[in-house]
Amino acid sequence: MLLEEQRFLHEDLERLEHGISDRIAEDPRHIRDRLNRDHQISGFLNRIQDQSKRLLDIYNDTEGLRSKEIQSISTGDPFDEFYKQMTEIKEHHRRYPNQPVENLERAYKRKAPGEGESATVEVDNMFTGEEAFGRFLDLTTLHEEYLNIQSKRVSYLQYLQIFDNFGPQYIAMKRAEKSTDQYLNYVGRLAGYLESFLRRTRPLEDLDKFFASIDQDFERAWEEDSVPGWGPEAQPAGPAVPVTEGTGEGVWCPDCEKEFKNDNVYKNHLNGKKHINNAQARQAQGGANGTTGGAPNGHSNVRGSTVQRLKERAIAEREYRTKRLASTMETVRTDSRVNVERKQGMTERERQMELDAFFAESTEVPQRNGDDESDSDGDEKIYNPLKLPLAWDGKPIPYWLYKLHGLGVEFPCEICGNFVYMGRRAFDKHFNEARHIYGLKCLGITNTTLFREITGIEDALKLWDKIQRDKKKEKSGGENVVQMEDADGNVMPEKVYYDLQKQGLL
């Protein structure tokens, strides 16, 4: 029955194409409906690939079964073959009388929400409440883990800005301290979360190809020793005992990497809690690297350094992947920071009301029987006498929030064409936007970083002229310095030369 299976696969592919075209023609208004549509299309595309592979196997006919079936139909009495296959079909249904028959027309047909199909069943359990169906990041658990593995205290809002930076100025850990299982698990979970977030929010993109390109770029950077913070490190030779290092004038503590000018201070330092902890950590690190005294030929050192390098490579790979993934979701990160900052100004009751309204809007079933005019009339009945800005749900924001952010204060900017910004936050933000930078460039100003808080054209031109004059004066002053040379070859300014000559020192 290979021909029947071949026909069934062709029909299935055609039904899948119709199902995809029906869903692409839609334009859902809510983000949950859009995600549900994209995930359904992704599932259909995966099924198309699977069915196409099966169809290609049938056409390749490696075992020759399809050719035999075609030959049996085309030669001999066609009715004999027909009745033979019909008998096989009846025998099959006699053995399995209650076997359901798959209806391809109804399987891929887009159903209305009122026909008994749950419109968003595929994405209901994919996201947390903080993620809001892929609009924001939820790194609260990773933020707590970040605080536990290092001593630097940062808020969740700051963490959203620096979670993909692993330099010493962002995370209070040395390179040796990063080679721990706790830090390895942290960066692994961080990279895994970002990868999972991309798969959940972008189901129609070829993410496997993107992830493979990240791996290839890391392999190339690792071979070239160009991964930031993970280049080859020179291992100091000799015993780990206090020696004279640093400036070479005092006593060096290798555990704390600190130099002491006084020997008594160094001895008192050895009893300190910080030194004891650093010594234990350094000793444990040395044991992990295989730097024990029981290997006279040095094989243990080589083996330990190799294991340590492999562990560093695993950590560096996760850090590199985190940076690349975070760079592709800058918009989501910015929206997450704005959302966290907005929620910090809300009470718990208002947060719960907002969350309930969000889920109520996403779960309500649209009524198809009513006309569009009644819907438009319902949208226009929002009571907003104070002309407050609208929130994400289309309703005016609370008046206290309006006053808190100063949205009633106007900030005009003459450089932006007398554009008026409502609120201090929008005003401060616009100095880095294209409109303000373009206005400065139209005035002939190239260095825009020095013109923050300046909104008047006349003030900007005066400041720019002053900067240009200062630069010319500094340049001309440096060029007009006359240098003199004495008999010994010492070079000095002209004034100093004549002063020393008058005093008889030359």
Protein backbone atom coordinates (compact mmCIF):
# COMPACT_ATOMS: atom_id res chain seq x y z
CA MET A 1 0.00 0.00 0.00
CA LEU A 2 2.90 2.34 -0.67
CA LEU A 3 0.97 4.24 -3.32
CA GLU A 4 -1.83 4.96 -0.86
CA GLU A 5 0.70 6.15 1.70
CA GLN A 6 2.29 8.31 -0.99
CA ARG A 7 -1.07 9.86 -1.84
CA PHE A 8 -1.79 10.43 1.86
CA LEU A 9 1.53 12.22 2.36
CA HIS A 10 0.88 14.52 -0.61
CA GLU A 11 -2.55 15.36 0.79
CA ASP A 12 -1.06 15.97 4.23
CA LEU A 13 1.54 18.37 2.81
CA GLU A 14 -1.10 20.28 0.91
CA ARG A 15 -3.34 20.55 4.00
CA LEU A 16 -0.37 21.79 6.02
CA GLU A 17 0.36 24.49 3.44
CA HIS A 18 -3.27 25.62 3.56
CA GLY A 19 -3.17 25.67 7.36
CA ILE A 20 -0.03 27.82 7.36
CA SER A 21 -1.44 30.26 4.79
CA ASP A 22 -4.65 30.65 6.83
CA ARG A 23 -2.68 31.53 9.96
CA ILE A 24 -0.26 33.89 8.20
CA ALA A 25 -3.22 35.83 6.80
CA GLU A 26 -4.33 36.60 10.36
CA ASP A 27 -3.02 39.54 12.36
CA PRO A 28 -3.71 38.86 16.07
CA ARG A 29 -3.83 41.92 18.26
CA HIS A 30 -2.62 40.36 21.50
CA ILE A 31 0.94 39.11 21.93
CA ARG A 32 -0.25 35.76 23.29
CA ASP A 33 -2.33 35.13 20.17
CA ARG A 34 0.63 36.02 17.96
CA LEU A 35 2.91 33.65 19.84
CA ASN A 36 0.33 30.88 19.65
CA ARG A 37 0.01 31.40 15.89
CA ASP A 38 3.81 31.36 15.41
CA HIS A 39 4.21 28.18 17.47
CA GLN A 40 1.45 26.46 15.48
CA ILE A 41 3.14 27.46 12.22
CA SER A 42 6.47 26.19 13.58
CA GLY A 43 4.85 22.86 14.43
CA PHE A 44 3.37 22.64 10.92
CA LEU A 45 6.79 23.37 9.36
CA ASN A 46 8.39 20.62 11.41
CA ARG A 47 5.68 18.21 10.31
CA ILE A 48 6.23 19.23 6.67
CA GLN A 49 9.91 18.34 7.02
CA ASP A 50 9.11 14.95 8.57
CA GLN A 51 6.48 14.09 5.96
CA SER A 52 8.74 15.25 3.14
CA LYS A 53 11.49 12.91 4.36
CA ARG A 54 9.06 10.00 4.36
CA LEU A 55 7.88 10.94 0.87
CA LEU A 56 11.45 11.12 -0.43
CA ASP A 57 12.17 7.66 1.00
CA ILE A 58 9.18 6.30 -0.89
CA TYR A 59 10.28 7.92 -4.16
CA ASN A 60 13.86 6.70 -3.72
CA ASP A 61 12.48 3.14 -3.38
CA THR A 62 15.68 1.62 -2.07
CA GLU A 63 14.01 -1.77 -1.47
CA GLY A 64 12.03 -1.77 -4.74
CA LEU A 65 8.61 -2.20 -3.05
CA ARG A 66 7.05 0.73 -4.89
CA SER A 67 8.15 -0.60 -8.29
CA LYS A 68 6.72 -4.03 -7.46
CA GLU A 69 3.39 -2.51 -6.43
CA ILE A 70 3.19 -0.43 -9.62
CA GLN A 71 4.08 -3.49 -11.70
CA SER A 72 1.43 -5.62 -9.96
CA ILE A 73 -1.24 -3.01 -10.74
CA SER A 74 -0.20 -2.36 -14.34
CA THR A 75 0.15 -6.06 -15.36
CA GLY A 76 -2.38 -8.86 -15.20
CA ASP A 77 -6.05 -8.50 -14.38
CA PRO A 78 -6.58 -5.13 -12.60
CA PHE A 79 -9.74 -6.42 -10.85
CA ASP A 80 -7.83 -9.22 -9.15
CA GLU A 81 -5.40 -6.74 -7.62
CA PHE A 82 -8.27 -4.41 -6.70
CA TYR A 83 -10.22 -7.12 -4.87
CA LYS A 84 -7.04 -8.35 -3.22
CA GLN A 85 -6.30 -4.93 -1.74
CA MET A 86 -9.94 -4.44 -0.75
CA THR A 87 -9.82 -7.76 1.12
CA GLU A 88 -6.72 -6.63 2.97
CA ILE A 89 -8.46 -3.39 3.95
CA LYS A 90 -11.53 -5.22 5.24
CA GLU A 91 -9.35 -7.63 7.20
CA HIS A 92 -7.50 -4.71 8.77
CA HIS A 93 -10.72 -2.98 9.88
CA ARG A 94 -12.08 -6.28 11.15
CA ARG A 95 -9.05 -6.62 13.43
CA TYR A 96 -9.18 -2.97 14.54
CA PRO A 97 -12.87 -2.02 14.40
CA ASN A 98 -12.61 1.13 16.58
CA GLN A 99 -9.50 2.65 15.05
CA PRO A 100 -10.09 6.41 14.55
CA VAL A 101 -9.63 7.88 11.10
CA GLU A 102 -7.61 11.08 10.89
CA ASN A 103 -9.50 13.89 9.19
CA LEU A 104 -6.84 16.09 7.63
CA GLU A 105 -9.32 18.80 6.69
CA ARG A 106 -10.31 19.38 10.29
CA ALA A 107 -6.87 18.68 11.77
CA TYR A 108 -5.19 21.76 10.30
CA LYS A 109 -8.17 24.01 9.78
CA ARG A 110 -8.13 27.22 11.77
CA LYS A 111 -10.97 27.12 14.29
CA ALA A 112 -12.69 30.10 15.78
CA PRO A 113 -12.31 30.54 19.57
CA GLY A 114 -16.00 29.75 20.04
CA GLU A 115 -15.79 26.33 18.35
CA GLY A 116 -14.31 24.56 21.33
CA GLU A 117 -10.61 25.12 20.63
CA SER A 118 -8.48 26.77 23.28
CA ALA A 119 -6.91 29.68 21.47
CA THR A 120 -3.67 29.85 23.47
CA VAL A 121 -3.20 26.39 24.91
CA GLU A 122 0.33 26.10 23.45
CA VAL A 123 1.79 29.18 25.19
CA ASP A 124 -0.09 29.18 28.48
CA ASN A 125 2.65 27.32 30.35
CA MET A 126 5.67 28.65 28.43
CA PHE A 127 6.14 31.94 30.28
CA THR A 128 6.11 33.20 33.84
CA GLY A 129 3.98 36.11 34.97
CA GLU A 130 7.00 38.42 35.00
CA GLU A 131 7.83 37.57 31.38
CA ALA A 132 4.33 38.60 30.18
CA PHE A 133 4.39 36.20 27.22
CA GLY A 134 7.86 37.15 26.02
CA ARG A 135 7.72 40.92 26.51
CA PHE A 136 10.16 41.04 29.44
CA LEU A 137 13.00 39.01 30.93
CA ASP A 138 12.59 37.21 34.26
CA LEU A 139 16.06 37.00 35.85
CA THR A 140 15.04 37.20 39.52
CA THR A 141 16.30 33.70 40.36
CA LEU A 142 19.57 34.27 38.49
CA HIS A 143 19.97 37.63 40.23
CA GLU A 144 19.80 35.93 43.63
CA GLU A 145 22.35 33.36 42.49
CA TYR A 146 24.57 36.19 41.19
CA LEU A 147 24.51 37.83 44.63
CA ASN A 148 25.43 34.54 46.32
CA ILE A 149 28.53 33.78 44.25
CA GLN A 150 30.25 37.16 44.67
CA SER A 151 30.41 39.98 47.20
CA LYS A 152 29.32 42.92 45.06
CA ARG A 153 25.79 44.07 45.89
CA VAL A 154 23.70 45.26 42.94
CA SER A 155 19.98 45.79 42.61
CA TYR A 156 17.83 43.83 40.19
CA LEU A 157 17.50 46.91 37.98
CA GLN A 158 21.29 47.21 37.77
CA TYR A 159 21.63 43.48 37.17
CA LEU A 160 19.41 43.71 34.09
CA GLN A 161 21.96 46.14 32.66
CA ILE A 162 25.17 44.23 33.49
CA PHE A 163 24.21 40.54 33.53
CA ASP A 164 26.14 39.90 30.29
CA ASN A 165 29.31 41.64 31.50
CA PHE A 166 31.80 39.41 33.31
CA GLY A 167 34.74 41.77 33.76
CA PRO A 168 36.25 42.58 37.19
CA GLN A 169 34.49 45.95 37.25
CA TYR A 170 31.09 44.21 37.06
CA ILE A 171 31.61 41.01 39.03
CA ALA A 172 33.83 40.90 42.12
CA MET A 173 35.62 37.66 41.24
CA LYS A 174 39.14 36.94 40.10
CA ARG A 175 39.89 34.58 37.27
CA ALA A 176 40.92 31.81 39.65
CA GLU A 177 37.71 32.25 41.66
CA LYS A 178 35.61 31.76 38.53
CA SER A 179 36.87 28.20 38.11
CA THR A 180 34.33 26.83 40.57
CA ASP A 181 31.35 24.58 40.00
CA GLN A 182 29.04 27.22 41.46
CA TYR A 183 30.09 29.87 38.93
CA LEU A 184 30.05 27.34 36.09
CA ASN A 185 26.48 26.37 36.95
CA TYR A 186 25.47 30.04 37.16
CA VAL A 187 26.75 31.04 33.71
CA GLY A 188 25.35 27.78 32.29
CA ARG A 189 21.88 28.51 33.64
CA LEU A 190 22.09 32.12 32.43
CA ALA A 191 23.02 31.10 28.89
CA GLY A 192 20.40 28.33 28.96
CA TYR A 193 17.68 30.76 30.01
CA LEU A 194 18.50 33.24 27.24
CA GLU A 195 18.56 30.43 24.67
CA SER A 196 15.22 29.12 25.92
CA PHE A 197 13.75 32.63 25.86
CA LEU A 198 14.77 33.06 22.22
CA ARG A 199 13.25 29.71 21.25
CA ARG A 200 9.98 30.56 22.98
CA THR A 201 9.65 34.08 21.56
CA ARG A 202 11.01 33.45 18.04
CA PRO A 203 9.73 30.05 16.96
CA LEU A 204 9.85 30.85 13.23
CA GLU A 205 13.52 31.83 13.09
CA ASP A 206 16.33 29.41 12.28
CA LEU A 207 17.87 29.57 15.74
CA ASP A 208 19.87 26.36 15.36
CA LYS A 209 21.90 28.01 12.62
CA PHE A 210 22.43 31.08 14.80
CA PHE A 211 23.56 28.99 17.77
CA ALA A 212 25.93 27.04 15.52
CA SER A 213 27.47 30.31 14.29
CA ILE A 214 28.05 31.34 17.92
CA ASP A 215 29.87 28.06 18.58
CA GLN A 216 32.01 28.50 15.47
CA ASP A 217 32.93 32.07 16.39
CA PHE A 218 33.88 30.97 19.90
CA GLU A 219 36.03 28.13 18.60
CA ARG A 220 37.88 30.55 16.35
CA ALA A 221 38.32 33.10 19.14
CA TRP A 222 39.51 30.44 21.59
CA GLU A 223 42.12 29.10 19.21
CA GLU A 224 43.38 32.64 18.67
CA ASP A 225 43.35 33.36 22.45
CA SER A 226 41.16 36.40 21.82
CA VAL A 227 38.29 35.59 24.20
CA PRO A 228 38.06 38.58 26.60
CA GLY A 229 39.35 37.70 30.05
CA TRP A 230 40.42 34.15 29.16
CA GLY A 231 43.75 34.48 27.43
CA PRO A 232 46.74 32.31 28.36
CA GLU A 233 47.96 33.11 31.86
CA ALA A 234 51.61 32.84 32.84
CA GLN A 235 52.02 30.54 35.82
CA PRO A 236 54.58 31.74 38.39
CA ALA A 237 57.40 29.34 39.08
CA GLY A 238 58.91 28.55 42.46
CA PRO A 239 57.54 27.77 45.92
CA ALA A 240 54.44 29.59 47.19
CA VAL A 241 56.17 31.29 50.15
CA PRO A 242 56.52 34.97 51.03
CA VAL A 243 59.06 36.43 48.66
CA THR A 244 60.06 39.96 47.73
CA GLU A 245 57.81 40.99 44.84
CA GLY A 246 55.83 44.06 43.88
CA THR A 247 58.17 47.04 44.15
CA GLY A 248 60.92 44.83 45.56
CA GLU A 249 61.23 46.82 48.77
CA GLY A 250 58.90 44.97 51.17
CA VAL A 251 57.45 41.56 51.96
CA TRP A 252 55.03 40.08 49.45
CA CYS A 253 52.00 38.00 50.47
CA PRO A 254 51.21 35.62 47.56
CA ASP A 255 47.84 34.58 49.05
CA CYS A 256 46.47 38.13 49.20
CA GLU A 257 48.67 39.49 46.36
CA LYS A 258 49.66 42.41 48.54
CA GLU A 259 52.96 43.97 49.54
CA PHE A 260 53.86 45.03 53.10
CA LYS A 261 56.57 47.56 53.88
CA ASN A 262 56.98 46.42 57.50
CA ASP A 263 57.79 42.90 58.61
CA ASN A 264 55.71 43.23 61.81
CA VAL A 265 52.66 44.31 59.88
CA TYR A 266 53.07 41.28 57.63
CA LYS A 267 53.27 38.91 60.63
CA ASN A 268 50.10 40.38 62.13
CA HIS A 269 48.44 40.09 58.75
CA LEU A 270 49.06 36.33 58.69
CA ASN A 271 46.62 35.86 61.59
CA GLY A 272 43.83 37.80 59.92
CA LYS A 273 40.61 36.17 58.77
CA LYS A 274 40.93 37.51 55.23
CA HIS A 275 44.43 36.09 54.82
CA ILE A 276 43.37 32.68 56.17
CA ASN A 277 40.45 32.51 53.73
CA ASN A 278 42.66 33.53 50.81
CA ALA A 279 45.29 30.97 51.80
CA GLN A 280 42.71 28.18 51.98
CA ALA A 281 41.25 29.20 48.62
CA ARG A 282 44.72 29.31 47.06
CA GLN A 283 45.60 25.93 48.51
CA ALA A 284 42.35 24.42 47.21
CA GLN A 285 43.00 25.98 43.83
CA GLY A 286 46.49 24.52 43.79
CA GLY A 287 45.10 21.07 44.61
CA ALA A 288 42.57 21.37 41.79
CA ASN A 289 45.31 22.31 39.37
CA GLY A 290 47.36 19.27 40.43
CA THR A 291 50.21 21.28 41.96
CA THR A 292 51.05 18.78 44.69
CA GLY A 293 54.46 17.79 45.84
CA GLY A 294 54.05 14.08 45.10
CA ALA A 295 54.84 14.31 41.39
CA PRO A 296 58.60 14.54 40.97
CA ASN A 297 58.53 14.46 37.18
CA GLY A 298 55.87 17.20 36.76
CA HIS A 299 53.25 15.02 35.04
CA SER A 300 50.67 15.95 37.66
CA ASN A 301 51.20 19.65 36.99
CA VAL A 302 50.70 19.19 33.26
CA ARG A 303 47.60 17.05 33.75
CA GLY A 304 46.16 19.48 36.30
CA SER A 305 46.76 22.52 34.10
CA THR A 306 45.09 20.74 31.19
CA VAL A 307 42.00 19.97 33.27
CA GLN A 308 41.93 23.54 34.53
CA ARG A 309 42.20 24.89 30.98
CA LEU A 310 39.30 22.69 29.86
CA LYS A 311 37.18 23.99 32.71
CA GLU A 312 38.08 27.56 31.83
CA ARG A 313 37.09 26.84 28.25
CA ALA A 314 33.65 25.63 29.35
CA ILE A 315 33.13 28.76 31.45
CA ALA A 316 34.40 31.07 28.70
CA GLU A 317 32.08 29.38 26.18
CA ARG A 318 29.04 30.07 28.35
CA GLU A 319 30.09 33.66 28.96
CA TYR A 320 30.64 34.22 25.23
CA ARG A 321 27.27 32.66 24.41
CA THR A 322 25.55 34.84 27.03
CA LYS A 323 27.06 38.01 25.53
CA ARG A 324 26.00 37.08 21.99
CA LEU A 325 22.48 36.11 23.03
CA ALA A 326 22.02 39.25 25.12
CA SER A 327 23.12 41.43 22.19
CA THR A 328 20.21 40.08 20.10
CA MET A 329 17.58 41.08 22.68
CA GLU A 330 18.56 44.63 23.58
CA THR A 331 14.99 45.83 23.04
CA VAL A 332 13.61 43.23 25.44
CA ARG A 333 16.26 44.15 28.01
CA THR A 334 15.38 47.85 27.78
CA ASP A 335 11.67 47.10 28.07
CA SER A 336 12.39 44.89 31.09
CA ARG A 337 14.28 47.67 32.86
CA VAL A 338 11.48 50.15 32.15
CA ASN A 339 8.91 47.65 33.40
CA VAL A 340 10.83 46.99 36.64
CA GLU A 341 11.32 50.70 37.21
CA ARG A 342 7.62 51.33 36.60
CA LYS A 343 6.55 48.56 38.97
CA GLN A 344 8.76 49.95 41.72
CA GLY A 345 6.47 52.98 41.83
CA MET A 346 3.33 50.84 42.18
CA THR A 347 1.73 49.21 45.19
CA GLU A 348 1.19 45.48 45.47
CA ARG A 349 -2.52 45.92 44.88
CA GLU A 350 -1.92 47.88 41.68
CA ARG A 351 0.52 45.25 40.43
CA GLN A 352 -2.04 42.51 41.03
CA MET A 353 -4.79 44.51 39.33
CA GLU A 354 -2.53 45.10 36.32
CA LEU A 355 -1.68 41.39 36.11
CA ASP A 356 -5.36 40.39 36.37
CA ALA A 357 -6.31 42.88 33.67
CA PHE A 358 -3.55 41.57 31.41
CA PHE A 359 -4.71 37.94 31.69
CA ALA A 360 -8.39 38.93 31.43
CA GLU A 361 -7.72 40.77 28.18
CA SER A 362 -5.78 37.84 26.73
CA THR A 363 -8.38 35.20 27.64
CA GLU A 364 -11.55 36.99 26.57
CA VAL A 365 -13.23 35.58 23.46
CA PRO A 366 -14.04 38.15 20.79
CA GLN A 367 -17.66 38.28 19.69
CA ARG A 368 -17.99 37.77 15.96
CA ASN A 369 -21.71 38.44 15.73
CA GLY A 370 -21.56 42.12 16.71
CA ASP A 371 -20.79 44.83 14.20
CA ASP A 372 -17.57 46.83 14.20
CA GLU A 373 -19.34 50.09 14.93
CA SER A 374 -20.43 48.96 18.37
CA ASP A 375 -16.83 47.89 19.17
CA SER A 376 -15.45 51.24 18.09
CA ASP A 377 -18.08 53.04 20.15
CA GLY A 378 -17.08 50.99 23.20
CA ASP A 379 -13.43 51.96 22.75
CA GLU A 380 -14.29 55.67 22.71
CA LYS A 381 -16.07 55.61 26.08
CA ILE A 382 -12.84 55.82 28.12
CA TYR A 383 -13.24 58.67 30.63
CA ASN A 384 -10.08 60.78 30.57
CA PRO A 385 -10.86 64.42 31.43
CA LEU A 386 -7.29 65.20 32.54
CA LYS A 387 -5.81 63.97 29.25
CA LEU A 388 -3.51 61.54 31.03
CA PRO A 389 -1.17 59.30 28.99
CA LEU A 390 -2.49 55.84 28.22
CA ALA A 391 -0.95 52.70 29.72
CA TRP A 392 -0.31 49.40 27.92
CA ASP A 393 -3.98 48.40 28.34
CA GLY A 394 -5.29 51.53 26.63
CA LYS A 395 -6.52 53.11 29.87
CA PRO A 396 -5.21 56.30 31.49
CA ILE A 397 -2.42 55.87 34.01
CA PRO A 398 -3.13 56.80 37.67
CA TYR A 399 -2.93 60.51 38.43
CA TRP A 400 -0.41 59.98 41.25
CA LEU A 401 1.92 58.19 38.82
CA TYR A 402 1.43 61.06 36.39
CA LYS A 403 2.54 63.53 39.10
CA LEU A 404 5.34 61.28 40.37
CA HIS A 405 7.14 61.21 37.00
CA GLY A 406 6.39 64.88 36.35
CA LEU A 407 4.60 64.16 33.08
CA GLY A 408 2.71 67.46 33.36
CA VAL A 409 5.91 69.53 33.13
CA GLU A 410 6.85 70.71 29.64
CA PHE A 411 10.48 70.82 28.49
CA PRO A 412 10.86 72.57 25.10
CA CYS A 413 14.01 72.12 23.04
CA GLU A 414 14.82 74.75 20.43
CA ILE A 415 17.50 72.58 18.85
CA CYS A 416 14.89 69.88 18.14
CA GLY A 417 12.67 72.39 16.31
CA ASN A 418 10.88 73.64 19.46
CA PHE A 419 9.67 70.13 20.19
CA VAL A 420 8.10 69.83 23.65
CA TYR A 421 8.99 66.83 25.86
CA MET A 422 6.58 65.87 28.62
CA GLY A 423 8.38 64.88 31.81
CA ARG A 424 11.97 65.04 32.96
CA ARG A 425 12.69 61.46 31.97
CA ALA A 426 11.74 61.93 28.33
CA PHE A 427 13.68 65.21 28.30
CA ASP A 428 16.89 63.60 29.64
CA LYS A 429 16.53 60.69 27.24
CA HIS A 430 16.14 62.82 24.13
CA PHE A 431 19.73 64.16 24.28
CA ASN A 432 20.93 60.77 22.97
CA GLU A 433 18.19 60.43 20.35
CA ALA A 434 18.56 61.04 16.63
CA ARG A 435 16.38 64.19 16.56
CA HIS A 436 18.61 66.15 18.97
CA ILE A 437 21.88 64.88 17.47
CA TYR A 438 20.67 65.80 13.97
CA GLY A 439 19.79 69.31 15.17
CA LEU A 440 23.29 69.78 16.58
CA LYS A 441 24.91 68.54 13.38
CA CYS A 442 22.81 71.03 11.39
CA LEU A 443 24.43 73.76 13.51
CA GLY A 444 27.89 72.43 12.65
CA ILE A 445 28.46 70.82 16.06
CA THR A 446 30.15 67.43 15.88
CA ASN A 447 31.01 66.68 19.53
CA THR A 448 27.50 66.22 20.93
CA THR A 449 28.49 64.78 24.32
CA LEU A 450 29.44 68.22 25.72
CA PHE A 451 26.06 69.78 24.95
CA ARG A 452 23.83 67.95 27.42
CA GLU A 453 21.17 70.12 29.10
CA ILE A 454 21.65 72.79 26.40
CA THR A 455 18.46 73.38 24.42
CA GLY A 456 18.94 76.88 22.96
CA ILE A 457 20.55 77.40 19.55
CA GLU A 458 22.34 80.57 20.63
CA ASP A 459 23.78 78.95 23.76
CA ALA A 460 24.98 75.94 21.77
CA LEU A 461 26.70 78.13 19.18
CA LYS A 462 28.41 80.22 21.89
CA LEU A 463 29.70 77.12 23.66
CA TRP A 464 30.90 75.61 20.39
CA ASP A 465 32.76 78.83 19.46
CA LYS A 466 34.41 78.90 22.90
CA ILE A 467 35.50 75.26 22.54
CA GLN A 468 36.98 75.97 19.12
CA ARG A 469 38.84 79.07 20.39
CA ASP A 470 40.27 77.15 23.33
CA LYS A 471 41.48 74.40 21.03
CA LYS A 472 43.16 76.88 18.70
CA LYS A 473 44.76 78.69 21.62
CA GLU A 474 46.06 75.49 23.12
CA LYS A 475 47.42 74.39 19.77
CA SER A 476 49.11 77.70 19.03
CA GLY A 477 50.56 77.85 22.55
CA GLY A 478 52.13 74.45 22.12
CA GLU A 479 53.60 75.37 18.74
CA ASN A 480 55.13 78.71 19.87
CA VAL A 481 57.27 77.23 22.67
CA VAL A 482 60.93 77.89 21.83
CA GLN A 483 63.32 75.31 23.24
CA MET A 484 66.99 75.96 23.93
CA GLU A 485 69.88 73.51 24.39
CA ASP A 486 72.89 74.07 26.62
CA ALA A 487 76.44 72.81 26.11
CA ASP A 488 75.68 69.53 27.84
CA GLY A 489 72.76 68.79 25.53
CA ASN A 490 70.01 69.57 28.06
CA VAL A 491 66.83 70.87 26.34
CA MET A 492 64.71 73.48 28.14
CA PRO A 493 62.31 76.34 27.34
CA GLU A 494 63.77 79.67 26.25
CA LYS A 495 62.75 81.51 29.43
CA VAL A 496 64.32 78.90 31.70
CA TYR A 497 67.49 78.94 29.62
CA TYR A 498 67.96 82.74 29.95
CA ASP A 499 67.15 82.67 33.65
CA LEU A 500 69.82 80.06 34.33
CA GLN A 501 72.26 81.97 32.12
CA LYS A 502 71.73 85.18 34.09
CA GLN A 503 72.40 83.31 37.30
CA GLY A 504 75.59 81.89 35.92
CA LEU A 505 74.51 78.27 36.18
CA LEU A 506 75.23 77.43 32.56
